Amino acid sequence: MTRSGSFQITVRLAGDADRAALERLAVLDAKALPGGPFVLGLVEGELVAALPVRGGRPVADPFRRTAEIVPLLELRAAQLRREAAMPPRRRVLARLRLRPAG
């Protein structure tokens, strides 16, 4: 439900089904789409910005307000990079929000 002056933002990883929307976004932003996984920023379900998880410049809809969304994508991408650098056991525990004993 959306109230006046508010909107729903979703941050998530891109899947295979998002490829066409990513390519359309890159065309709108007049940028080449880099490879690799992306973190997506959606407003009310519509893709407005994307950021490569491994680092790089965002791709954003130049006709939409995205200045507040890109920092959220940067934060999530940094979290994913830190998680990927963890040993597998710690990665599972981090996802469960547990800490190893000792």
C-alpha atoms as a PDB file:
ATOM      1  CA  MET A   1       0.000   0.000   0.000  1.00  0.00           C
ATOM      2  CA  THR A   2       1.376   3.367  -0.971  1.00  0.00           C
ATOM      3  CA  ARG A   3       0.504   6.552   0.884  1.00  0.00           C
ATOM      4  CA  SER A   4       0.859  10.034  -0.484  1.00  0.00           C
ATOM      5  CA  GLY A   5       4.541  10.996  -0.521  1.00  0.00           C
ATOM      6  CA  SER A   6       5.872   7.475   0.094  1.00  0.00           C
ATOM      7  CA  PHE A   7       6.871   4.616  -2.146  1.00  0.00           C
ATOM      8  CA  GLN A   8       8.155   1.070  -1.842  1.00  0.00           C
ATOM      9  CA  ILE A   9      11.820   0.392  -2.609  1.00  0.00           C
ATOM     10  CA  THR A  10      13.043  -3.153  -3.149  1.00  0.00           C
ATOM     11  CA  VAL A  11      16.729  -4.097  -3.229  1.00  0.00           C
ATOM     12  CA  ARG A  12      17.518  -7.580  -4.522  1.00  0.00           C
ATOM     13  CA  LEU A  13      19.926  -9.620  -6.596  1.00  0.00           C
ATOM     14  CA  ALA A  14      19.262  -9.854 -10.308  1.00  0.00           C
ATOM     15  CA  GLY A  15      18.224 -13.165 -11.765  1.00  0.00           C
ATOM     16  CA  ASP A  16      18.265 -14.498 -15.316  1.00  0.00           C
ATOM     17  CA  ALA A  17      14.764 -13.117 -15.895  1.00  0.00           C
ATOM     18  CA  ASP A  18      16.046  -9.578 -15.223  1.00  0.00           C
ATOM     19  CA  ARG A  19      18.494  -9.504 -18.122  1.00  0.00           C
ATOM     20  CA  ALA A  20      16.178  -7.750 -20.601  1.00  0.00           C
ATOM     21  CA  ALA A  21      15.222  -5.083 -18.037  1.00  0.00           C
ATOM     22  CA  LEU A  22      18.926  -4.527 -17.238  1.00  0.00           C
ATOM     23  CA  GLU A  23      19.718  -4.090 -20.915  1.00  0.00           C
ATOM     24  CA  ARG A  24      16.853  -1.572 -21.327  1.00  0.00           C
ATOM     25  CA  LEU A  25      18.144   0.334 -18.290  1.00  0.00           C
ATOM     26  CA  ALA A  26      21.664   0.445 -19.766  1.00  0.00           C
ATOM     27  CA  VAL A  27      20.293   1.822 -23.051  1.00  0.00           C
ATOM     28  CA  LEU A  28      18.375   4.535 -21.158  1.00  0.00           C
ATOM     29  CA  ASP A  29      21.546   5.471 -19.255  1.00  0.00           C
ATOM     30  CA  ALA A  30      23.672   5.295 -22.439  1.00  0.00           C
ATOM     31  CA  LYS A  31      26.125   2.907 -20.744  1.00  0.00           C
ATOM     32  CA  ALA A  32      27.527  -0.473 -21.581  1.00  0.00           C
ATOM     33  CA  LEU A  33      26.215  -3.153 -19.250  1.00  0.00           C
ATOM     34  CA  PRO A  34      29.142  -4.723 -17.382  1.00  0.00           C
ATOM     35  CA  GLY A  35      29.176  -8.437 -16.698  1.00  0.00           C
ATOM     36  CA  GLY A  36      28.637 -10.174 -13.420  1.00  0.00           C
ATOM     37  CA  PRO A  37      25.878 -10.248 -10.859  1.00  0.00           C
ATOM     38  CA  PHE A  38      23.892  -7.092 -10.108  1.00  0.00           C
ATOM     39  CA  VAL A  39      22.042  -5.668  -7.159  1.00  0.00           C
ATOM     40  CA  LEU A  40      18.809  -4.110  -8.362  1.00  0.00           C
ATOM     41  CA  GLY A  41      16.857  -1.145  -7.047  1.00  0.00           C
ATOM     42  CA  LEU A  42      13.158  -1.234  -7.821  1.00  0.00           C
ATOM     43  CA  VAL A  43      10.603   1.450  -7.019  1.00  0.00           C
ATOM     44  CA  GLU A  44       7.044   0.159  -6.862  1.00  0.00           C
ATOM     45  CA  GLY A  45       8.292  -2.947  -8.701  1.00  0.00           C
ATOM     46  CA  GLU A  46       9.936  -1.041 -11.573  1.00  0.00           C
ATOM     47  CA  LEU A  47      13.701  -1.299 -12.123  1.00  0.00           C
ATOM     48  CA  VAL A  48      15.286   2.150 -11.782  1.00  0.00           C
ATOM     49  CA  ALA A  49      18.924   1.391 -10.873  1.00  0.00           C
ATOM     50  CA  ALA A  50      21.420  -1.461 -10.854  1.00  0.00           C
ATOM     51  CA  LEU A  51      24.927  -1.867  -9.485  1.00  0.00           C
ATOM     52  CA  PRO A  52      27.484  -4.586 -10.271  1.00  0.00           C
ATOM     53  CA  VAL A  53      28.129  -6.565  -7.073  1.00  0.00           C
ATOM     54  CA  ARG A  54      31.856  -6.775  -7.800  1.00  0.00           C
ATOM     55  CA  GLY A  55      32.134  -3.010  -8.063  1.00  0.00           C
ATOM     56  CA  GLY A  56      31.737  -0.441 -10.742  1.00  0.00           C
ATOM     57  CA  ARG A  57      29.470   2.401 -11.661  1.00  0.00           C
ATOM     58  CA  PRO A  58      25.709   2.184 -11.294  1.00  0.00           C
ATOM     59  CA  VAL A  59      23.355   2.031 -14.229  1.00  0.00           C
ATOM     60  CA  ALA A  60      20.290   4.176 -13.560  1.00  0.00           C
ATOM     61  CA  ASP A  61      17.227   5.543 -15.270  1.00  0.00           C
ATOM     62  CA  PRO A  62      18.093   9.183 -16.020  1.00  0.00           C
ATOM     63  CA  PHE A  63      14.401  10.102 -15.980  1.00  0.00           C
ATOM     64  CA  ARG A  64      13.797   8.827 -12.441  1.00  0.00           C
ATOM     65  CA  ARG A  65      15.042  10.004  -9.082  1.00  0.00           C
ATOM     66  CA  THR A  66      17.686   7.475  -8.036  1.00  0.00           C
ATOM     67  CA  ALA A  67      20.070   9.465  -5.825  1.00  0.00           C
ATOM     68  CA  GLU A  68      18.588   7.893  -2.691  1.00  0.00           C
ATOM     69  CA  ILE A  69      18.570   4.370  -4.108  1.00  0.00           C
ATOM     70  CA  VAL A  70      22.173   4.037  -5.317  1.00  0.00           C
ATOM     71  CA  PRO A  71      23.653   4.229  -1.762  1.00  0.00           C
ATOM     72  CA  LEU A  72      21.344   1.359  -0.753  1.00  0.00           C
ATOM     73  CA  LEU A  73      22.654  -0.685  -3.677  1.00  0.00           C
ATOM     74  CA  GLU A  74      26.253   0.146  -2.713  1.00  0.00           C
ATOM     75  CA  LEU A  75      25.601  -0.976   0.864  1.00  0.00           C
ATOM     76  CA  ARG A  76      24.043  -4.275  -0.203  1.00  0.00           C
ATOM     77  CA  ALA A  77      26.801  -4.962  -2.740  1.00  0.00           C
ATOM     78  CA  ALA A  78      29.438  -4.369  -0.027  1.00  0.00           C
ATOM     79  CA  GLN A  79      27.603  -6.773   2.292  1.00  0.00           C
ATOM     80  CA  LEU A  80      27.541  -9.425  -0.429  1.00  0.00           C
ATOM     81  CA  ARG A  81      31.263  -8.971  -1.155  1.00  0.00           C
ATOM     82  CA  ARG A  82      32.132  -9.347   2.554  1.00  0.00           C
ATOM     83  CA  GLU A  83      29.931 -12.422   2.811  1.00  0.00           C
ATOM     84  CA  ALA A  84      31.535 -13.979  -0.275  1.00  0.00           C
ATOM     85  CA  ALA A  85      34.992 -13.496   1.267  1.00  0.00           C
ATOM     86  CA  MET A  86      34.029 -15.456   4.392  1.00  0.00           C
ATOM     87  CA  PRO A  87      34.818 -19.145   4.801  1.00  0.00           C
ATOM     88  CA  PRO A  88      31.753 -21.264   3.982  1.00  0.00           C
ATOM     89  CA  ARG A  89      30.903 -22.093   7.625  1.00  0.00           C
ATOM     90  CA  ARG A  90      30.996 -18.446   8.688  1.00  0.00           C
ATOM     91  CA  ARG A  91      28.939 -17.513   5.629  1.00  0.00           C
ATOM     92  CA  VAL A  92      26.164 -19.885   6.724  1.00  0.00           C
ATOM     93  CA  LEU A  93      26.322 -18.586  10.283  1.00  0.00           C
ATOM     94  CA  ALA A  94      26.238 -14.987   9.077  1.00  0.00           C
ATOM     95  CA  ARG A  95      23.097 -15.735   7.095  1.00  0.00           C
ATOM     96  CA  LEU A  96      21.549 -17.262  10.183  1.00  0.00           C
ATOM     97  CA  ARG A  97      22.754 -14.266  12.222  1.00  0.00           C
ATOM     98  CA  LEU A  98      24.627 -16.559  14.616  1.00  0.00           C
ATOM     99  CA  ARG A  99      28.152 -16.290  15.893  1.00  0.00           C
ATOM    100  CA  PRO A 100      30.502 -19.285  16.202  1.00  0.00           C
ATOM    101  CA  ALA A 101      31.373 -20.370  19.738  1.00  0.00           C
ATOM    102  CA  GLY A 102      34.910 -19.573  20.878  1.00  0.00           C
END
